[in-house]
Amino acid sequence: MVRLIVAFTPLVGAIAFPLLIPTTIERLGLGPGVLSALILSTLWFIAMLRTSEMPH
C-alpha cells in the first residue's frame, strides 16, 4: 500500500496542479488563483517529502 502511495504522489500532483489552478483563476480571479497555487504546491511538496524513499 505504501509503495502505491509513493508511486502516485508525483502523478497526482502533476495532473491536479494544471487542472485546478487555471480553473481557480477563471472562477475566482488571479489573487485566489495564485494563493491556491502556493498552497497546493506547498502541500504537494510536503507530500512528496513524506512519501519519499531514501536508499540505505
C-alpha atoms as a PDB file:
ATOM      1  CA  MET A   1       0.000   0.000   0.000  1.00  0.00           C
ATOM      2  CA  VAL A   2       2.796   2.423   0.856  1.00  0.00           C
ATOM      3  CA  ARG A   3       4.512   1.787  -2.470  1.00  0.00           C
ATOM      4  CA  LEU A   4       1.275   2.621  -4.265  1.00  0.00           C
ATOM      5  CA  ILE A   5       1.091   5.969  -2.466  1.00  0.00           C
ATOM      6  CA  VAL A   6       4.761   6.639  -3.243  1.00  0.00           C
ATOM      7  CA  ALA A   7       4.153   5.864  -6.907  1.00  0.00           C
ATOM      8  CA  PHE A   8       1.035   8.006  -7.291  1.00  0.00           C
ATOM      9  CA  THR A   9       2.077  11.110  -5.312  1.00  0.00           C
ATOM     10  CA  PRO A  10       4.069  12.708  -8.172  1.00  0.00           C
ATOM     11  CA  LEU A  11       1.468  11.678 -10.729  1.00  0.00           C
ATOM     12  CA  VAL A  12      -1.499  13.085  -8.819  1.00  0.00           C
ATOM     13  CA  GLY A  13       0.273  16.383  -8.204  1.00  0.00           C
ATOM     14  CA  ALA A  14       1.405  16.717 -11.811  1.00  0.00           C
ATOM     15  CA  ILE A  15      -2.139  16.163 -13.054  1.00  0.00           C
ATOM     16  CA  ALA A  16      -4.035  18.100 -10.373  1.00  0.00           C
ATOM     17  CA  PHE A  17      -1.939  21.276 -10.455  1.00  0.00           C
ATOM     18  CA  PRO A  18      -2.514  22.218 -14.132  1.00  0.00           C
ATOM     19  CA  LEU A  19      -6.201  21.368 -13.846  1.00  0.00           C
ATOM     20  CA  LEU A  20      -7.045  23.145 -10.590  1.00  0.00           C
ATOM     21  CA  ILE A  21      -5.069  26.369 -10.893  1.00  0.00           C
ATOM     22  CA  PRO A  22      -6.473  27.645 -14.227  1.00  0.00           C
ATOM     23  CA  THR A  23      -9.978  26.701 -13.067  1.00  0.00           C
ATOM     24  CA  THR A  24      -9.478  28.653  -9.854  1.00  0.00           C
ATOM     25  CA  ILE A  25      -8.134  31.662 -11.741  1.00  0.00           C
ATOM     26  CA  GLU A  26     -11.055  31.563 -14.163  1.00  0.00           C
ATOM     27  CA  ARG A  27     -13.750  31.295 -11.490  1.00  0.00           C
ATOM     28  CA  LEU A  28     -12.306  33.313  -8.591  1.00  0.00           C
ATOM     29  CA  GLY A  29      -9.696  35.623 -10.127  1.00  0.00           C
ATOM     30  CA  LEU A  30      -5.943  35.971 -10.204  1.00  0.00           C
ATOM     31  CA  GLY A  31      -5.335  36.599  -6.479  1.00  0.00           C
ATOM     32  CA  PRO A  32      -7.094  33.478  -5.220  1.00  0.00           C
ATOM     33  CA  GLY A  33      -5.561  31.531  -8.106  1.00  0.00           C
ATOM     34  CA  VAL A  34      -2.041  32.485  -7.060  1.00  0.00           C
ATOM     35  CA  LEU A  35      -2.847  31.725  -3.418  1.00  0.00           C
ATOM     36  CA  SER A  36      -4.266  28.321  -4.319  1.00  0.00           C
ATOM     37  CA  ALA A  37      -1.169  27.610  -6.449  1.00  0.00           C
ATOM     38  CA  LEU A  38       1.037  28.431  -3.471  1.00  0.00           C
ATOM     39  CA  ILE A  39      -0.985  26.275  -1.079  1.00  0.00           C
ATOM     40  CA  LEU A  40      -1.306  23.348  -3.478  1.00  0.00           C
ATOM     41  CA  SER A  41       2.384  23.364  -4.388  1.00  0.00           C
ATOM     42  CA  THR A  42       3.365  23.526  -0.708  1.00  0.00           C
ATOM     43  CA  LEU A  43       1.088  20.597   0.174  1.00  0.00           C
ATOM     44  CA  TRP A  44       2.376  18.631  -2.814  1.00  0.00           C
ATOM     45  CA  PHE A  45       5.982  19.295  -1.784  1.00  0.00           C
ATOM     46  CA  ILE A  46       5.269  18.151   1.775  1.00  0.00           C
ATOM     47  CA  ALA A  47       3.530  15.012   0.482  1.00  0.00           C
ATOM     48  CA  MET A  48       6.480  14.257  -1.786  1.00  0.00           C
ATOM     49  CA  LEU A  49       8.913  14.610   1.137  1.00  0.00           C
ATOM     50  CA  ARG A  50       6.787  12.499   3.472  1.00  0.00           C
ATOM     51  CA  THR A  51       6.397   9.661   0.972  1.00  0.00           C
ATOM     52  CA  SER A  52       9.930   9.671  -0.416  1.00  0.00           C
ATOM     53  CA  GLU A  53      12.031   6.569  -0.047  1.00  0.00           C
ATOM     54  CA  MET A  54      15.704   7.124   0.642  1.00  0.00           C
ATOM     55  CA  PRO A  55      18.267   4.498  -0.313  1.00  0.00           C
ATOM     56  CA  HIS A  56      20.053   2.792   2.585  1.00  0.00           C
END
